[in-house]
Amino acid sequence: GMDLAVTNFFSLQSGFHYRGGNPRFSLGTELLTSDMSFNVN
């Protein structure tokens, strides 16, 4: 996996998972506010 903090409130994530002949690729983003965080992937 990889996590990259683009700014102090916005970051990007990606990952690779290989299990039982099933490779999986993932892409996500996280947004931080003063008291909340939101993640979509």
PDB file of all heavy atoms in Angstrom:
ATOM      1  N   GLY A   1       0.815  -1.213   0.000  1.00  0.00           N
ATOM      2  CA  GLY A   1       0.000   0.000   0.000  1.00  0.00           C
ATOM      3  C   GLY A   1       0.846   1.259   0.000  1.00  0.00           C
ATOM      4  O   GLY A   1       2.052   1.235   0.282  1.00  0.00           O
ATOM      5  N   MET A   2       0.197   2.373  -0.326  1.00  0.00           N
ATOM      6  CA  MET A   2       0.845   3.682  -0.363  1.00  0.00           C
ATOM      7  C   MET A   2      -0.136   4.737   0.118  1.00  0.00           C
ATOM      8  O   MET A   2      -1.321   4.708  -0.225  1.00  0.00           O
ATOM      9  CB  MET A   2       1.296   3.999  -1.793  1.00  0.00           C
ATOM     10  CG  MET A   2       2.026   5.336  -1.962  1.00  0.00           C
ATOM     11  SD  MET A   2       0.894   6.759  -2.212  1.00  0.00           S
ATOM     12  CE  MET A   2       0.190   6.391  -3.803  1.00  0.00           C
ATOM     13  N   ASP A   3       0.362   5.671   0.933  1.00  0.00           N
ATOM     14  CA  ASP A   3      -0.423   6.815   1.374  1.00  0.00           C
ATOM     15  C   ASP A   3       0.387   8.080   1.102  1.00  0.00           C
ATOM     16  O   ASP A   3       1.536   8.191   1.552  1.00  0.00           O
ATOM     17  CB  ASP A   3      -0.759   6.709   2.864  1.00  0.00           C
ATOM     18  CG  ASP A   3      -1.584   7.889   3.358  1.00  0.00           C
ATOM     19  OD1 ASP A   3      -0.994   8.915   3.765  1.00  0.00           O
ATOM     20  OD2 ASP A   3      -2.817   7.787   3.336  1.00  0.00           O
ATOM     21  N   LEU A   4      -0.191   9.018   0.374  1.00  0.00           N
ATOM     22  CA  LEU A   4       0.497  10.256   0.015  1.00  0.00           C
ATOM     23  C   LEU A   4      -0.320  11.434   0.514  1.00  0.00           C
ATOM     24  O   LEU A   4      -1.461  11.640   0.076  1.00  0.00           O
ATOM     25  CB  LEU A   4       0.681  10.350  -1.500  1.00  0.00           C
ATOM     26  CG  LEU A   4       1.325  11.641  -2.031  1.00  0.00           C
ATOM     27  CD1 LEU A   4       2.764  11.771  -1.514  1.00  0.00           C
ATOM     28  CD2 LEU A   4       1.302  11.677  -3.550  1.00  0.00           C
ATOM     29  N   ALA A   5       0.238  12.215   1.437  1.00  0.00           N
ATOM     30  CA  ALA A   5      -0.423  13.413   1.955  1.00  0.00           C
ATOM     31  C   ALA A   5      -0.163  14.565   0.988  1.00  0.00           C
ATOM     32  O   ALA A   5       0.911  15.164   0.994  1.00  0.00           O
ATOM     33  CB  ALA A   5       0.093  13.745   3.346  1.00  0.00           C
ATOM     34  N   VAL A   6      -1.139  14.859   0.135  1.00  0.00           N
ATOM     35  CA  VAL A   6      -0.999  15.930  -0.852  1.00  0.00           C
ATOM     36  C   VAL A   6      -0.977  17.283  -0.157  1.00  0.00           C
ATOM     37  O   VAL A   6      -0.170  18.161  -0.475  1.00  0.00           O
ATOM     38  CB  VAL A   6      -2.128  15.851  -1.892  1.00  0.00           C
ATOM     39  CG1 VAL A   6      -1.974  16.950  -2.938  1.00  0.00           C
ATOM     40  CG2 VAL A   6      -2.134  14.481  -2.562  1.00  0.00           C
ATOM     41  N   THR A   7      -1.877  17.483   0.804  1.00  0.00           N
ATOM     42  CA  THR A   7      -1.898  18.663   1.659  1.00  0.00           C
ATOM     43  C   THR A   7      -2.161  18.177   3.081  1.00  0.00           C
ATOM     44  O   THR A   7      -2.285  16.973   3.329  1.00  0.00           O
ATOM     45  CB  THR A   7      -3.000  19.657   1.236  1.00  0.00           C
ATOM     46  OG1 THR A   7      -4.283  19.082   1.511  1.00  0.00           O
ATOM     47  CG2 THR A   7      -2.915  19.986  -0.251  1.00  0.00           C
ATOM     48  N   ASN A   8      -2.275  19.100   4.020  1.00  0.00           N
ATOM     49  CA  ASN A   8      -2.549  18.684   5.394  1.00  0.00           C
ATOM     50  C   ASN A   8      -4.001  18.264   5.592  1.00  0.00           C
ATOM     51  O   ASN A   8      -4.362  17.802   6.680  1.00  0.00           O
ATOM     52  CB  ASN A   8      -2.177  19.793   6.377  1.00  0.00           C
ATOM     53  CG  ASN A   8      -2.953  21.065   6.125  1.00  0.00           C
ATOM     54  OD1 ASN A   8      -3.689  21.188   5.142  1.00  0.00           O
ATOM     55  ND2 ASN A   8      -2.798  22.038   7.012  1.00  0.00           N
ATOM     56  N   PHE A   9      -4.845  18.423   4.569  1.00  0.00           N
ATOM     57  CA  PHE A   9      -6.241  18.012   4.696  1.00  0.00           C
ATOM     58  C   PHE A   9      -6.675  17.033   3.603  1.00  0.00           C
ATOM     59  O   PHE A   9      -7.819  16.566   3.603  1.00  0.00           O
ATOM     60  CB  PHE A   9      -7.172  19.233   4.670  1.00  0.00           C
ATOM     61  CG  PHE A   9      -7.143  20.006   3.378  1.00  0.00           C
ATOM     62  CD1 PHE A   9      -7.962  19.669   2.322  1.00  0.00           C
ATOM     63  CD2 PHE A   9      -6.285  21.096   3.245  1.00  0.00           C
ATOM     64  CE1 PHE A   9      -7.933  20.385   1.144  1.00  0.00           C
ATOM     65  CE2 PHE A   9      -6.253  21.821   2.061  1.00  0.00           C
ATOM     66  CZ  PHE A   9      -7.078  21.466   1.010  1.00  0.00           C
ATOM     67  N   PHE A  10      -5.790  16.691   2.682  1.00  0.00           N
ATOM     68  CA  PHE A  10      -6.171  15.827   1.562  1.00  0.00           C
ATOM     69  C   PHE A  10      -5.056  14.828   1.280  1.00  0.00           C
ATOM     70  O   PHE A  10      -3.883  15.193   1.183  1.00  0.00           O
ATOM     71  CB  PHE A  10      -6.444  16.665   0.316  1.00  0.00           C
ATOM     72  CG  PHE A  10      -6.848  15.863  -0.893  1.00  0.00           C
ATOM     73  CD1 PHE A  10      -8.116  15.317  -0.984  1.00  0.00           C
ATOM     74  CD2 PHE A  10      -5.956  15.642  -1.929  1.00  0.00           C
ATOM     75  CE1 PHE A  10      -8.494  14.578  -2.089  1.00  0.00           C
ATOM     76  CE2 PHE A  10      -6.319  14.901  -3.043  1.00  0.00           C
ATOM     77  CZ  PHE A  10      -7.602  14.368  -3.120  1.00  0.00           C
ATOM     78  N   SER A  11      -5.421  13.543   1.165  1.00  0.00           N
ATOM     79  CA  SER A  11      -4.423  12.503   0.896  1.00  0.00           C
ATOM     80  C   SER A  11      -4.987  11.484  -0.080  1.00  0.00           C
ATOM     81  O   SER A  11      -6.212  11.326  -0.225  1.00  0.00           O
ATOM     82  CB  SER A  11      -3.996  11.810   2.188  1.00  0.00           C
ATOM     83  OG  SER A  11      -5.090  11.166   2.809  1.00  0.00           O
ATOM     84  N   LEU A  12      -4.069  10.775  -0.750  1.00  0.00           N
ATOM     85  CA  LEU A  12      -4.416   9.727  -1.696  1.00  0.00           C
ATOM     86  C   LEU A  12      -3.827   8.409  -1.225  1.00  0.00           C
ATOM     87  O   LEU A  12      -2.723   8.381  -0.668  1.00  0.00           O
ATOM     88  CB  LEU A  12      -3.876  10.052  -3.091  1.00  0.00           C
ATOM     89  CG  LEU A  12      -4.468  11.268  -3.807  1.00  0.00           C
ATOM     90  CD1 LEU A  12      -3.676  11.568  -5.074  1.00  0.00           C
ATOM     91  CD2 LEU A  12      -5.940  11.032  -4.138  1.00  0.00           C
ATOM     92  N   GLN A  13      -4.563   7.321  -1.458  1.00  0.00           N
ATOM     93  CA  GLN A  13      -4.082   5.984  -1.115  1.00  0.00           C
ATOM     94  C   GLN A  13      -4.237   5.065  -2.324  1.00  0.00           C
ATOM     95  O   GLN A  13      -5.140   5.250  -3.151  1.00  0.00           O
ATOM     96  CB  GLN A  13      -4.870   5.384   0.061  1.00  0.00           C
ATOM     97  CG  GLN A  13      -4.769   6.135   1.365  1.00  0.00           C
ATOM     98  CD  GLN A  13      -5.780   7.258   1.460  1.00  0.00           C
ATOM     99  OE1 GLN A  13      -6.919   7.128   1.027  1.00  0.00           O
ATOM    100  NE2 GLN A  13      -5.372   8.373   2.050  1.00  0.00           N
ATOM    101  N   SER A  14      -3.368   4.086  -2.411  1.00  0.00           N
ATOM    102  CA  SER A  14      -3.504   3.034  -3.405  1.00  0.00           C
ATOM    103  C   SER A  14      -2.937   1.752  -2.821  1.00  0.00           C
ATOM    104  O   SER A  14      -2.162   1.784  -1.862  1.00  0.00           O
ATOM    105  CB  SER A  14      -2.789   3.400  -4.713  1.00  0.00           C
ATOM    106  OG  SER A  14      -1.383   3.453  -4.511  1.00  0.00           O
ATOM    107  N   GLY A  15      -3.327   0.614  -3.404  1.00  0.00           N
ATOM    108  CA  GLY A  15      -2.846  -0.658  -2.874  1.00  0.00           C
ATOM    109  C   GLY A  15      -2.974  -1.782  -3.874  1.00  0.00           C
ATOM    110  O   GLY A  15      -3.705  -1.689  -4.875  1.00  0.00           O
ATOM    111  N   PHE A  16      -2.235  -2.859  -3.589  1.00  0.00           N
ATOM    112  CA  PHE A  16      -2.281  -4.074  -4.394  1.00  0.00           C
ATOM    113  C   PHE A  16      -2.350  -5.255  -3.440  1.00  0.00           C
ATOM    114  O   PHE A  16      -1.599  -5.327  -2.457  1.00  0.00           O
ATOM    115  CB  PHE A  16      -1.040  -4.190  -5.287  1.00  0.00           C
ATOM    116  CG  PHE A  16      -0.932  -5.500  -6.003  1.00  0.00           C
ATOM    117  CD1 PHE A  16      -1.754  -5.785  -7.085  1.00  0.00           C
ATOM    118  CD2 PHE A  16      -0.013  -6.460  -5.599  1.00  0.00           C
ATOM    119  CE1 PHE A  16      -1.662  -7.005  -7.744  1.00  0.00           C
ATOM    120  CE2 PHE A  16       0.089  -7.679  -6.261  1.00  0.00           C
ATOM    121  CZ  PHE A  16      -0.745  -7.956  -7.337  1.00  0.00           C
ATOM    122  N   HIS A  17      -3.277  -6.171  -3.726  1.00  0.00           N
ATOM    123  CA  HIS A  17      -3.519  -7.323  -2.862  1.00  0.00           C
ATOM    124  C   HIS A  17      -3.602  -8.559  -3.753  1.00  0.00           C
ATOM    125  O   HIS A  17      -4.400  -8.593  -4.700  1.00  0.00           O
ATOM    126  CB  HIS A  17      -4.842  -7.094  -2.115  1.00  0.00           C
ATOM    127  CG  HIS A  17      -5.244  -8.215  -1.205  1.00  0.00           C
ATOM    128  ND1 HIS A  17      -5.241  -8.068   0.167  1.00  0.00           N
ATOM    129  CD2 HIS A  17      -5.701  -9.466  -1.441  1.00  0.00           C
ATOM    130  CE1 HIS A  17      -5.671  -9.202   0.729  1.00  0.00           C
ATOM    131  NE2 HIS A  17      -5.951 -10.061  -0.239  1.00  0.00           N
ATOM    132  N   TYR A  18      -2.789  -9.568  -3.473  1.00  0.00           N
ATOM    133  CA  TYR A  18      -2.795 -10.776  -4.301  1.00  0.00           C
ATOM    134  C   TYR A  18      -3.013 -11.982  -3.406  1.00  0.00           C
ATOM    135  O   TYR A  18      -2.192 -12.310  -2.552  1.00  0.00           O
ATOM    136  CB  TYR A  18      -1.480 -10.929  -5.059  1.00  0.00           C
ATOM    137  CG  TYR A  18      -1.533 -12.035  -6.081  1.00  0.00           C
ATOM    138  CD1 TYR A  18      -2.034 -11.803  -7.352  1.00  0.00           C
ATOM    139  CD2 TYR A  18      -1.113 -13.321  -5.760  1.00  0.00           C
ATOM    140  CE1 TYR A  18      -2.103 -12.820  -8.290  1.00  0.00           C
ATOM    141  CE2 TYR A  18      -1.185 -14.349  -6.681  1.00  0.00           C
ATOM    142  CZ  TYR A  18      -1.679 -14.089  -7.951  1.00  0.00           C
ATOM    143  OH  TYR A  18      -1.769 -15.095  -8.875  1.00  0.00           O
ATOM    144  N   ARG A  19      -4.164 -12.647  -3.620  1.00  0.00           N
ATOM    145  CA  ARG A  19      -4.499 -13.800  -2.795  1.00  0.00           C
ATOM    146  C   ARG A  19      -5.231 -14.845  -3.637  1.00  0.00           C
ATOM    147  O   ARG A  19      -6.248 -14.536  -4.276  1.00  0.00           O
ATOM    148  CB  ARG A  19      -5.401 -13.375  -1.635  1.00  0.00           C
ATOM    149  CG  ARG A  19      -5.805 -14.526  -0.715  1.00  0.00           C
ATOM    150  CD  ARG A  19      -6.559 -14.031   0.485  1.00  0.00           C
ATOM    151  NE  ARG A  19      -6.757 -15.082   1.463  1.00  0.00           N
ATOM    152  CZ  ARG A  19      -7.220 -14.904   2.693  1.00  0.00           C
ATOM    153  NH1 ARG A  19      -7.520 -13.676   3.084  1.00  0.00           N
ATOM    154  NH2 ARG A  19      -7.380 -15.911   3.518  1.00  0.00           N
ATOM    155  N   GLY A  20      -4.718 -16.062  -3.652  1.00  0.00           N
ATOM    156  CA  GLY A  20      -5.396 -17.164  -4.306  1.00  0.00           C
ATOM    157  C   GLY A  20      -5.688 -16.939  -5.772  1.00  0.00           C
ATOM    158  O   GLY A  20      -6.760 -17.279  -6.270  1.00  0.00           O
ATOM    159  N   GLY A  21      -4.759 -16.339  -6.508  1.00  0.00           N
ATOM    160  CA  GLY A  21      -4.972 -16.090  -7.927  1.00  0.00           C
ATOM    161  C   GLY A  21      -5.905 -14.935  -8.203  1.00  0.00           C
ATOM    162  O   GLY A  21      -6.391 -14.782  -9.326  1.00  0.00           O
ATOM    163  N   ASN A  22      -6.155 -14.097  -7.190  1.00  0.00           N
ATOM    164  CA  ASN A  22      -7.081 -12.976  -7.350  1.00  0.00           C
ATOM    165  C   ASN A  22      -6.361 -11.660  -7.058  1.00  0.00           C
ATOM    166  O   ASN A  22      -6.361 -11.187  -5.923  1.00  0.00           O
ATOM    167  CB  ASN A  22      -8.277 -13.139  -6.416  1.00  0.00           C
ATOM    168  CG  ASN A  22      -9.300 -12.015  -6.595  1.00  0.00           C
ATOM    169  OD1 ASN A  22      -9.183 -11.194  -7.498  1.00  0.00           O
ATOM    170  ND2 ASN A  22     -10.292 -11.996  -5.730  1.00  0.00           N
ATOM    171  N   PRO A  23      -5.717 -11.047  -8.047  1.00  0.00           N
ATOM    172  CA  PRO A  23      -5.092  -9.741  -7.801  1.00  0.00           C
ATOM    173  C   PRO A  23      -6.147  -8.651  -7.679  1.00  0.00           C
ATOM    174  O   PRO A  23      -7.130  -8.638  -8.420  1.00  0.00           O
ATOM    175  CB  PRO A  23      -4.218  -9.535  -9.047  1.00  0.00           C
ATOM    176  CG  PRO A  23      -4.868 -10.348 -10.101  1.00  0.00           C
ATOM    177  CD  PRO A  23      -5.503 -11.523  -9.422  1.00  0.00           C
ATOM    178  N   ARG A  24      -5.955  -7.760  -6.715  1.00  0.00           N
ATOM    179  CA  ARG A  24      -6.885  -6.652  -6.521  1.00  0.00           C
ATOM    180  C   ARG A  24      -6.101  -5.354  -6.471  1.00  0.00           C
ATOM    181  O   ARG A  24      -5.060  -5.259  -5.807  1.00  0.00           O
ATOM    182  CB  ARG A  24      -7.689  -6.824  -5.225  1.00  0.00           C
ATOM    183  CG  ARG A  24      -8.533  -8.068  -5.171  1.00  0.00           C
ATOM    184  CD  ARG A  24      -9.720  -7.920  -4.237  1.00  0.00           C
ATOM    185  NE  ARG A  24      -9.354  -7.538  -2.899  1.00  0.00           N
ATOM    186  CZ  ARG A  24      -9.278  -8.381  -1.869  1.00  0.00           C
ATOM    187  NH1 ARG A  24      -9.503  -9.664  -2.069  1.00  0.00           N
ATOM    188  NH2 ARG A  24      -8.967  -7.959  -0.667  1.00  0.00           N
ATOM    189  N   PHE A  25      -6.617  -4.348  -7.138  1.00  0.00           N
ATOM    190  CA  PHE A  25      -6.032  -3.017  -7.136  1.00  0.00           C
ATOM    191  C   PHE A  25      -7.032  -2.057  -6.486  1.00  0.00           C
ATOM    192  O   PHE A  25      -8.229  -2.134  -6.751  1.00  0.00           O
ATOM    193  CB  PHE A  25      -5.710  -2.560  -8.564  1.00  0.00           C
ATOM    194  CG  PHE A  25      -4.793  -3.472  -9.301  1.00  0.00           C
ATOM    195  CD1 PHE A  25      -5.295  -4.533 -10.041  1.00  0.00           C
ATOM    196  CD2 PHE A  25      -3.418  -3.288  -9.261  1.00  0.00           C
ATOM    197  CE1 PHE A  25      -4.455  -5.383 -10.733  1.00  0.00           C
ATOM    198  CE2 PHE A  25      -2.569  -4.135  -9.942  1.00  0.00           C
ATOM    199  CZ  PHE A  25      -3.085  -5.185 -10.680  1.00  0.00           C
ATOM    200  N   SER A  26      -6.535  -1.158  -5.669  1.00  0.00           N
ATOM    201  CA  SER A  26      -7.431  -0.231  -4.980  1.00  0.00           C
ATOM    202  C   SER A  26      -6.910   1.190  -5.084  1.00  0.00           C
ATOM    203  O   SER A  26      -5.704   1.434  -5.193  1.00  0.00           O
ATOM    204  CB  SER A  26      -7.591  -0.628  -3.507  1.00  0.00           C
ATOM    205  OG  SER A  26      -6.331  -0.762  -2.879  1.00  0.00           O
ATOM    206  N   LEU A  27      -7.842   2.117  -5.041  1.00  0.00           N
ATOM    207  CA  LEU A  27      -7.539   3.542  -5.116  1.00  0.00           C
ATOM    208  C   LEU A  27      -8.485   4.271  -4.187  1.00  0.00           C
ATOM    209  O   LEU A  27      -9.702   4.024  -4.207  1.00  0.00           O
ATOM    210  CB  LEU A  27      -7.716   4.044  -6.552  1.00  0.00           C
ATOM    211  CG  LEU A  27      -7.519   5.545  -6.797  1.00  0.00           C
ATOM    212  CD1 LEU A  27      -6.053   5.925  -6.582  1.00  0.00           C
ATOM    213  CD2 LEU A  27      -7.964   5.917  -8.205  1.00  0.00           C
ATOM    214  N   GLY A  28      -7.949   5.152  -3.342  1.00  0.00           N
ATOM    215  CA  GLY A  28      -8.787   5.866  -2.378  1.00  0.00           C
ATOM    216  C   GLY A  28      -8.329   7.279  -2.157  1.00  0.00           C
ATOM    217  O   GLY A  28      -7.220   7.675  -2.532  1.00  0.00           O
ATOM    218  N   THR A  29      -9.202   8.054  -1.548  1.00  0.00           N
ATOM    219  CA  THR A  29      -8.883   9.432  -1.192  1.00  0.00           C
ATOM    220  C   THR A  29      -9.488   9.743   0.162  1.00  0.00           C
ATOM    221  O   THR A  29     -10.544   9.201   0.529  1.00  0.00           O
ATOM    222  CB  THR A  29      -9.418  10.415  -2.250  1.00  0.00           C
ATOM    223  OG1 THR A  29      -9.064  11.752  -1.882  1.00  0.00           O
ATOM    224  CG2 THR A  29     -10.933  10.335  -2.366  1.00  0.00           C
ATOM    225  N   GLU A  30      -8.801  10.579   0.935  1.00  0.00           N
ATOM    226  CA  GLU A  30      -9.284  10.961   2.263  1.00  0.00           C
ATOM    227  C   GLU A  30      -9.234  12.471   2.400  1.00  0.00           C
ATOM    228  O   GLU A  30      -8.238  13.108   2.041  1.00  0.00           O
ATOM    229  CB  GLU A  30      -8.443  10.307   3.351  1.00  0.00           C
ATOM    230  CG  GLU A  30      -8.975  10.567   4.758  1.00  0.00           C
ATOM    231  CD  GLU A  30      -8.227   9.788   5.817  1.00  0.00           C
ATOM    232  OE1 GLU A  30      -6.980   9.852   5.812  1.00  0.00           O
ATOM    233  OE2 GLU A  30      -8.869   9.118   6.633  1.00  0.00           O
ATOM    234  N   LEU A  31     -10.304  13.032   2.924  1.00  0.00           N
ATOM    235  CA  LEU A  31     -10.409  14.461   3.150  1.00  0.00           C
ATOM    236  C   LEU A  31     -10.604  14.712   4.639  1.00  0.00           C
ATOM    237  O   LEU A  31     -11.489  14.119   5.273  1.00  0.00           O
ATOM    238  CB  LEU A  31     -11.586  15.048   2.364  1.00  0.00           C
ATOM    239  CG  LEU A  31     -11.800  16.548   2.508  1.00  0.00           C
ATOM    240  CD1 LEU A  31     -10.671  17.310   1.820  1.00  0.00           C
ATOM    241  CD2 LEU A  31     -13.138  16.957   1.921  1.00  0.00           C
ATOM    242  N   LEU A  32      -9.771  15.577   5.217  1.00  0.00           N
ATOM    243  CA  LEU A  32      -9.828  15.887   6.639  1.00  0.00           C
ATOM    244  C   LEU A  32     -10.367  17.290   6.849  1.00  0.00           C
ATOM    245  O   LEU A  32      -9.973  18.229   6.151  1.00  0.00           O
ATOM    246  CB  LEU A  32      -8.432  15.787   7.271  1.00  0.00           C
ATOM    247  CG  LEU A  32      -7.703  14.451   7.127  1.00  0.00           C
ATOM    248  CD1 LEU A  32      -6.299  14.569   7.703  1.00  0.00           C
ATOM    249  CD2 LEU A  32      -8.470  13.347   7.829  1.00  0.00           C
ATOM    250  N   THR A  33     -11.274  17.446   7.801  1.00  0.00           N
ATOM    251  CA  THR A  33     -11.704  18.758   8.262  1.00  0.00           C
ATOM    252  C   THR A  33     -11.276  18.879   9.722  1.00  0.00           C
ATOM    253  O   THR A  33     -10.559  18.029  10.242  1.00  0.00           O
ATOM    254  CB  THR A  33     -13.222  18.930   8.110  1.00  0.00           C
ATOM    255  OG1 THR A  33     -13.889  18.053   9.028  1.00  0.00           O
ATOM    256  CG2 THR A  33     -13.677  18.594   6.684  1.00  0.00           C
ATOM    257  N   SER A  34     -11.712  19.922  10.392  1.00  0.00           N
ATOM    258  CA  SER A  34     -11.275  20.144  11.768  1.00  0.00           C
ATOM    259  C   SER A  34     -11.726  19.032  12.700  1.00  0.00           C
ATOM    260  O   SER A  34     -11.016  18.684  13.654  1.00  0.00           O
ATOM    261  CB  SER A  34     -11.789  21.489  12.281  1.00  0.00           C
ATOM    262  OG  SER A  34     -13.208  21.526  12.216  1.00  0.00           O
ATOM    263  N   ASP A  35     -12.886  18.448  12.466  1.00  0.00           N
ATOM    264  CA  ASP A  35     -13.368  17.407  13.367  1.00  0.00           C
ATOM    265  C   ASP A  35     -13.992  16.208  12.650  1.00  0.00           C
ATOM    266  O   ASP A  35     -14.631  15.374  13.273  1.00  0.00           O
ATOM    267  CB  ASP A  35     -14.398  17.983  14.357  1.00  0.00           C
ATOM    268  CG  ASP A  35     -15.529  18.712  13.656  1.00  0.00           C
ATOM    269  OD1 ASP A  35     -15.582  18.684  12.414  1.00  0.00           O
ATOM    270  OD2 ASP A  35     -16.364  19.304  14.351  1.00  0.00           O
ATOM    271  N   MET A  36     -13.788  16.100  11.328  1.00  0.00           N
ATOM    272  CA  MET A  36     -14.329  14.984  10.563  1.00  0.00           C
ATOM    273  C   MET A  36     -13.312  14.534   9.516  1.00  0.00           C
ATOM    274  O   MET A  36     -12.433  15.303   9.108  1.00  0.00           O
ATOM    275  CB  MET A  36     -15.627  15.378   9.843  1.00  0.00           C
ATOM    276  CG  MET A  36     -16.809  15.687  10.758  1.00  0.00           C
ATOM    277  SD  MET A  36     -17.544  14.193  11.471  1.00  0.00           S
ATOM    278  CE  MET A  36     -18.233  13.393  10.018  1.00  0.00           C
ATOM    279  N   SER A  37     -13.430  13.296   9.093  1.00  0.00           N
ATOM    280  CA  SER A  37     -12.675  12.815   7.939  1.00  0.00           C
ATOM    281  C   SER A  37     -13.604  11.980   7.075  1.00  0.00           C
ATOM    282  O   SER A  37     -14.514  11.303   7.581  1.00  0.00           O
ATOM    283  CB  SER A  37     -11.451  11.997   8.369  1.00  0.00           C
ATOM    284  OG  SER A  37     -11.847  10.786   8.973  1.00  0.00           O
ATOM    285  N   PHE A  38     -13.368  12.033   5.759  1.00  0.00           N
ATOM    286  CA  PHE A  38     -14.191  11.308   4.794  1.00  0.00           C
ATOM    287  C   PHE A  38     -13.261  10.533   3.869  1.00  0.00           C
ATOM    288  O   PHE A  38     -12.288  11.080   3.365  1.00  0.00           O
ATOM    289  CB  PHE A  38     -15.065  12.265   3.984  1.00  0.00           C
ATOM    290  CG  PHE A  38     -15.989  13.109   4.818  1.00  0.00           C
ATOM    291  CD1 PHE A  38     -15.570  14.347   5.290  1.00  0.00           C
ATOM    292  CD2 PHE A  38     -17.244  12.654   5.151  1.00  0.00           C
ATOM    293  CE1 PHE A  38     -16.399  15.124   6.066  1.00  0.00           C
ATOM    294  CE2 PHE A  38     -18.088  13.426   5.933  1.00  0.00           C
ATOM    295  CZ  PHE A  38     -17.670  14.666   6.389  1.00  0.00           C
ATOM    296  N   ASN A  39     -13.589   9.275   3.667  1.00  0.00           N
ATOM    297  CA  ASN A  39     -12.780   8.424   2.796  1.00  0.00           C
ATOM    298  C   ASN A  39     -13.678   7.725   1.790  1.00  0.00           C
ATOM    299  O   ASN A  39     -14.725   7.181   2.153  1.00  0.00           O
ATOM    300  CB  ASN A  39     -12.018   7.381   3.624  1.00  0.00           C
ATOM    301  CG  ASN A  39     -11.143   6.493   2.771  1.00  0.00           C
ATOM    302  OD1 ASN A  39     -11.637   5.586   2.117  1.00  0.00           O
ATOM    303  ND2 ASN A  39      -9.848   6.752   2.772  1.00  0.00           N
ATOM    304  N   VAL A  40     -13.263   7.762   0.533  1.00  0.00           N
ATOM    305  CA  VAL A  40     -13.948   7.031  -0.535  1.00  0.00           C
ATOM    306  C   VAL A  40     -12.895   6.219  -1.267  1.00  0.00           C
ATOM    307  O   VAL A  40     -11.827   6.749  -1.605  1.00  0.00           O
ATOM    308  CB  VAL A  40     -14.649   7.986  -1.523  1.00  0.00           C
ATOM    309  CG1 VAL A  40     -15.380   7.196  -2.605  1.00  0.00           C
ATOM    310  CG2 VAL A  40     -15.616   8.908  -0.795  1.00  0.00           C
ATOM    311  N   ASN A  41     -13.165   4.926  -1.511  1.00  0.00           N
ATOM    312  CA  ASN A  41     -12.196   4.144  -2.276  1.00  0.00           C
ATOM    313  C   ASN A  41     -12.896   3.120  -3.152  1.00  0.00           C
ATOM    314  O   ASN A  41     -14.040   2.729  -2.902  1.00  0.00           O
ATOM    315  CB  ASN A  41     -11.155   3.502  -1.361  1.00  0.00           C
ATOM    316  CG  ASN A  41     -11.677   2.320  -0.600  1.00  0.00           C
ATOM    317  OD1 ASN A  41     -11.939   1.266  -1.162  1.00  0.00           O
ATOM    318  ND2 ASN A  41     -11.849   2.480   0.714  1.00  0.00           N
TER     319      ASN A  41
END
